Amino acid sequence: MAMYKVRIIANACITRYDGGERNLLDIVNSYNLSTDDATLVKTEIATKRPDITI
């Protein structure tokens, strides 16, 4: 997956998490990403928001 898509999904996950949705792992899994892409998204989230635990 292209990195711009990873950043978009990561930002969407953070927005949903900040909006009060369930835990972050459930949010990431709701996008039905491949294992490699999900890892990239989780890494991007950890980089942007280290205060959020996955």
PDB file of N, CA and C in Angstrom:
ATOM      1  N   MET A   1       0.846  -1.169   0.000  1.00  0.00           N
ATOM      2  CA  MET A   1       0.000   0.000   0.000  1.00  0.00           C
ATOM      3  C   MET A   1       0.898   1.241   0.000  1.00  0.00           C
ATOM      4  N   ALA A   2       0.474   2.233  -0.733  1.00  0.00           N
ATOM      5  CA  ALA A   2       1.236   3.479  -0.810  1.00  0.00           C
ATOM      6  C   ALA A   2       1.217   4.180   0.553  1.00  0.00           C
ATOM      7  N   MET A   3       2.309   4.859   0.879  1.00  0.00           N
ATOM      8  CA  MET A   3       2.432   5.491   2.185  1.00  0.00           C
ATOM      9  C   MET A   3       1.382   6.583   2.413  1.00  0.00           C
ATOM     10  N   TYR A   4       0.954   7.248   1.356  1.00  0.00           N
ATOM     11  CA  TYR A   4      -0.078   8.271   1.576  1.00  0.00           C
ATOM     12  C   TYR A   4      -1.378   7.621   2.036  1.00  0.00           C
ATOM     13  N   LYS A   5      -1.670   6.415   1.557  1.00  0.00           N
ATOM     14  CA  LYS A   5      -2.866   5.699   2.002  1.00  0.00           C
ATOM     15  C   LYS A   5      -2.719   5.254   3.452  1.00  0.00           C
ATOM     16  N   VAL A   6      -1.521   4.807   3.810  1.00  0.00           N
ATOM     17  CA  VAL A   6      -1.253   4.416   5.195  1.00  0.00           C
ATOM     18  C   VAL A   6      -1.500   5.605   6.121  1.00  0.00           C
ATOM     19  N   ARG A   7      -0.998   6.785   5.745  1.00  0.00           N
ATOM     20  CA  ARG A   7      -1.177   7.984   6.563  1.00  0.00           C
ATOM     21  C   ARG A   7      -2.658   8.365   6.673  1.00  0.00           C
ATOM     22  N   ILE A   8      -3.400   8.241   5.585  1.00  0.00           N
ATOM     23  CA  ILE A   8      -4.827   8.566   5.614  1.00  0.00           C
ATOM     24  C   ILE A   8      -5.567   7.633   6.562  1.00  0.00           C
ATOM     25  N   ILE A   9      -5.316   6.346   6.459  1.00  0.00           N
ATOM     26  CA  ILE A   9      -5.994   5.381   7.325  1.00  0.00           C
ATOM     27  C   ILE A   9      -5.577   5.575   8.775  1.00  0.00           C
ATOM     28  N   ALA A  10      -4.295   5.833   9.009  1.00  0.00           N
ATOM     29  CA  ALA A  10      -3.816   6.073  10.377  1.00  0.00           C
ATOM     30  C   ALA A  10      -4.508   7.296  10.973  1.00  0.00           C
ATOM     31  N   ASN A  11      -4.613   8.362  10.201  1.00  0.00           N
ATOM     32  CA  ASN A  11      -5.294   9.564  10.685  1.00  0.00           C
ATOM     33  C   ASN A  11      -6.770   9.293  10.951  1.00  0.00           C
ATOM     34  N   ALA A  12      -7.399   8.504  10.099  1.00  0.00           N
ATOM     35  CA  ALA A  12      -8.804   8.148  10.304  1.00  0.00           C
ATOM     36  C   ALA A  12      -8.971   7.330  11.584  1.00  0.00           C
ATOM     37  N   CYS A  13      -8.059   6.412  11.821  1.00  0.00           N
ATOM     38  CA  CYS A  13      -8.111   5.599  13.044  1.00  0.00           C
ATOM     39  C   CYS A  13      -7.956   6.472  14.284  1.00  0.00           C
ATOM     40  N   ILE A  14      -7.025   7.415  14.246  1.00  0.00           N
ATOM     41  CA  ILE A  14      -6.812   8.314  15.375  1.00  0.00           C
ATOM     42  C   ILE A  14      -8.047   9.164  15.620  1.00  0.00           C
ATOM     43  N   THR A  15      -8.653   9.661  14.549  1.00  0.00           N
ATOM     44  CA  THR A  15      -9.863  10.470  14.680  1.00  0.00           C
ATOM     45  C   THR A  15     -10.993   9.662  15.301  1.00  0.00           C
ATOM     46  N   ARG A  16     -11.171   8.438  14.844  1.00  0.00           N
ATOM     47  CA  ARG A  16     -12.219   7.586  15.396  1.00  0.00           C
ATOM     48  C   ARG A  16     -11.947   7.272  16.860  1.00  0.00           C
ATOM     49  N   TYR A  17     -10.685   7.009  17.191  1.00  0.00           N
ATOM     50  CA  TYR A  17     -10.306   6.710  18.579  1.00  0.00           C
ATOM     51  C   TYR A  17     -10.572   7.923  19.472  1.00  0.00           C
ATOM     52  N   ASP A  18     -10.172   9.097  19.014  1.00  0.00           N
ATOM     53  CA  ASP A  18     -10.400  10.326  19.783  1.00  0.00           C
ATOM     54  C   ASP A  18     -11.887  10.631  19.910  1.00  0.00           C
ATOM     55  N   GLY A  19     -12.669  10.159  18.975  1.00  0.00           N
ATOM     56  CA  GLY A  19     -14.115  10.359  19.011  1.00  0.00           C
ATOM     57  C   GLY A  19     -14.838   9.437  19.978  1.00  0.00           C
ATOM     58  N   GLY A  20     -14.098   8.519  20.599  1.00  0.00           N
ATOM     59  CA  GLY A  20     -14.694   7.663  21.618  1.00  0.00           C
ATOM     60  C   GLY A  20     -15.026   6.258  21.164  1.00  0.00           C
ATOM     61  N   GLU A  21     -14.632   5.899  19.966  1.00  0.00           N
ATOM     62  CA  GLU A  21     -14.893   4.526  19.526  1.00  0.00           C
ATOM     63  C   GLU A  21     -14.036   3.549  20.317  1.00  0.00           C
ATOM     64  N   ARG A  22     -14.344   2.299  20.193  1.00  0.00           N
ATOM     65  CA  ARG A  22     -13.685   1.214  20.936  1.00  0.00           C
ATOM     66  C   ARG A  22     -12.161   1.313  20.886  1.00  0.00           C
ATOM     67  N   ASN A  23     -11.483   0.246  21.254  1.00  0.00           N
ATOM     68  CA  ASN A  23     -10.022   0.317  21.288  1.00  0.00           C
ATOM     69  C   ASN A  23      -9.435   0.389  19.885  1.00  0.00           C
ATOM     70  N   LEU A  24      -8.216   0.847  19.816  1.00  0.00           N
ATOM     71  CA  LEU A  24      -7.592   1.147  18.533  1.00  0.00           C
ATOM     72  C   LEU A  24      -7.387  -0.094  17.671  1.00  0.00           C
ATOM     73  N   LEU A  25      -7.090  -1.214  18.274  1.00  0.00           N
ATOM     74  CA  LEU A  25      -6.883  -2.433  17.499  1.00  0.00           C
ATOM     75  C   LEU A  25      -8.152  -2.824  16.749  1.00  0.00           C
ATOM     76  N   ASP A  26      -9.295  -2.688  17.395  1.00  0.00           N
ATOM     77  CA  ASP A  26     -10.566  -2.976  16.714  1.00  0.00           C
ATOM     78  C   ASP A  26     -10.808  -2.018  15.551  1.00  0.00           C
ATOM     79  N   ILE A  27     -10.432  -0.763  15.746  1.00  0.00           N
ATOM     80  CA  ILE A  27     -10.616   0.235  14.685  1.00  0.00           C
ATOM     81  C   ILE A  27      -9.741  -0.109  13.481  1.00  0.00           C
ATOM     82  N   VAL A  28      -8.468  -0.428  13.725  1.00  0.00           N
ATOM     83  CA  VAL A  28      -7.563  -0.790  12.627  1.00  0.00           C
ATOM     84  C   VAL A  28      -8.079  -2.040  11.919  1.00  0.00           C
ATOM     85  N   ASN A  29      -8.530  -3.027  12.683  1.00  0.00           N
ATOM     86  CA  ASN A  29      -9.025  -4.265  12.081  1.00  0.00           C
ATOM     87  C   ASN A  29     -10.298  -4.058  11.266  1.00  0.00           C
ATOM     88  N   SER A  30     -11.030  -2.989  11.543  1.00  0.00           N
ATOM     89  CA  SER A  30     -12.270  -2.748  10.805  1.00  0.00           C
ATOM     90  C   SER A  30     -12.008  -2.360   9.347  1.00  0.00           C
ATOM     91  N   TYR A  31     -10.771  -2.013   9.018  1.00  0.00           N
ATOM     92  CA  TYR A  31     -10.429  -1.644   7.651  1.00  0.00           C
ATOM     93  C   TYR A  31     -10.046  -2.852   6.784  1.00  0.00           C
ATOM     94  N   ASN A  32     -10.040  -4.048   7.352  1.00  0.00           N
ATOM     95  CA  ASN A  32      -9.752  -5.279   6.608  1.00  0.00           C
ATOM     96  C   ASN A  32      -8.464  -5.183   5.791  1.00  0.00           C
ATOM     97  N   LEU A  33      -7.405  -4.770   6.453  1.00  0.00           N
ATOM     98  CA  LEU A  33      -6.106  -4.625   5.798  1.00  0.00           C
ATOM     99  C   LEU A  33      -5.344  -5.937   5.847  1.00  0.00           C
ATOM    100  N   SER A  34      -4.408  -6.085   4.928  1.00  0.00           N
ATOM    101  CA  SER A  34      -3.514  -7.241   5.014  1.00  0.00           C
ATOM    102  C   SER A  34      -2.649  -7.068   6.261  1.00  0.00           C
ATOM    103  N   THR A  35      -2.003  -8.125   6.682  1.00  0.00           N
ATOM    104  CA  THR A  35      -1.165  -8.086   7.875  1.00  0.00           C
ATOM    105  C   THR A  35      -0.061  -7.047   7.736  1.00  0.00           C
ATOM    106  N   ASP A  36       0.575  -7.010   6.578  1.00  0.00           N
ATOM    107  CA  ASP A  36       1.650  -6.042   6.347  1.00  0.00           C
ATOM    108  C   ASP A  36       1.134  -4.604   6.384  1.00  0.00           C
ATOM    109  N   ASP A  37      -0.001  -4.362   5.754  1.00  0.00           N
ATOM    110  CA  ASP A  37      -0.560  -3.009   5.737  1.00  0.00           C
ATOM    111  C   ASP A  37      -1.024  -2.583   7.129  1.00  0.00           C
ATOM    112  N   ALA A  38      -1.618  -3.515   7.877  1.00  0.00           N
ATOM    113  CA  ALA A  38      -2.044  -3.194   9.241  1.00  0.00           C
ATOM    114  C   ALA A  38      -0.849  -2.836  10.115  1.00  0.00           C
ATOM    115  N   THR A  39       0.260  -3.523   9.914  1.00  0.00           N
ATOM    116  CA  THR A  39       1.479  -3.218  10.665  1.00  0.00           C
ATOM    117  C   THR A  39       1.979  -1.820  10.318  1.00  0.00           C
ATOM    118  N   LEU A  40       1.928  -1.464   9.042  1.00  0.00           N
ATOM    119  CA  LEU A  40       2.336  -0.118   8.636  1.00  0.00           C
ATOM    120  C   LEU A  40       1.441   0.950   9.272  1.00  0.00           C
ATOM    121  N   VAL A  41       0.142   0.702   9.302  1.00  0.00           N
ATOM    122  CA  VAL A  41      -0.794   1.657   9.891  1.00  0.00           C
ATOM    123  C   VAL A  41      -0.533   1.788  11.391  1.00  0.00           C
ATOM    124  N   LYS A  42      -0.331   0.678  12.078  1.00  0.00           N
ATOM    125  CA  LYS A  42      -0.051   0.725  13.518  1.00  0.00           C
ATOM    126  C   LYS A  42       1.240   1.470  13.804  1.00  0.00           C
ATOM    127  N   THR A  43       2.248   1.262  12.973  1.00  0.00           N
ATOM    128  CA  THR A  43       3.513   1.970  13.144  1.00  0.00           C
ATOM    129  C   THR A  43       3.328   3.463  12.934  1.00  0.00           C
ATOM    130  N   GLU A  44       2.554   3.830  11.938  1.00  0.00           N
ATOM    131  CA  GLU A  44       2.279   5.252  11.674  1.00  0.00           C
ATOM    132  C   GLU A  44       1.526   5.877  12.843  1.00  0.00           C
ATOM    133  N   ILE A  45       0.565   5.154  13.403  1.00  0.00           N
ATOM    134  CA  ILE A  45      -0.184   5.653  14.557  1.00  0.00           C
ATOM    135  C   ILE A  45       0.756   5.848  15.748  1.00  0.00           C
ATOM    136  N   ALA A  46       1.612   4.862  15.994  1.00  0.00           N
ATOM    137  CA  ALA A  46       2.562   4.954  17.113  1.00  0.00           C
ATOM    138  C   ALA A  46       3.529   6.123  16.929  1.00  0.00           C
ATOM    139  N   THR A  47       3.877   6.434  15.689  1.00  0.00           N
ATOM    140  CA  THR A  47       4.767   7.551  15.416  1.00  0.00           C
ATOM    141  C   THR A  47       4.070   8.887  15.676  1.00  0.00           C
ATOM    142  N   LYS A  48       2.822   8.980  15.209  1.00  0.00           N
ATOM    143  CA  LYS A  48       2.079  10.235  15.349  1.00  0.00           C
ATOM    144  C   LYS A  48       1.587  10.459  16.771  1.00  0.00           C
ATOM    145  N   ARG A  49       1.141   9.394  17.411  1.00  0.00           N
ATOM    146  CA  ARG A  49       0.541   9.508  18.739  1.00  0.00           C
ATOM    147  C   ARG A  49       1.096   8.431  19.663  1.00  0.00           C
ATOM    148  N   PRO A  50       2.298   8.628  20.179  1.00  0.00           N
ATOM    149  CA  PRO A  50       2.891   7.617  21.079  1.00  0.00           C
ATOM    150  C   PRO A  50       2.124   7.430  22.379  1.00  0.00           C
ATOM    151  N   ASP A  51       1.224   8.358  22.697  1.00  0.00           N
ATOM    152  CA  ASP A  51       0.423   8.233  23.920  1.00  0.00           C
ATOM    153  C   ASP A  51      -0.678   7.187  23.790  1.00  0.00           C
ATOM    154  N   ILE A  52      -1.000   6.777  22.573  1.00  0.00           N
ATOM    155  CA  ILE A  52      -2.027   5.761  22.340  1.00  0.00           C
ATOM    156  C   ILE A  52      -1.371   4.387  22.308  1.00  0.00           C
ATOM    157  N   THR A  53      -1.874   3.468  23.120  1.00  0.00           N
ATOM    158  CA  THR A  53      -1.347   2.106  23.096  1.00  0.00           C
ATOM    159  C   THR A  53      -2.211   1.243  22.204  1.00  0.00           C
ATOM    160  N   ILE A  54      -1.548   0.393  21.450  1.00  0.00           N
ATOM    161  CA  ILE A  54      -2.282  -0.486  20.524  1.00  0.00           C
ATOM    162  C   ILE A  54      -2.347  -1.871  21.114  1.00  0.00           C
TER     163      ILE A  54
END
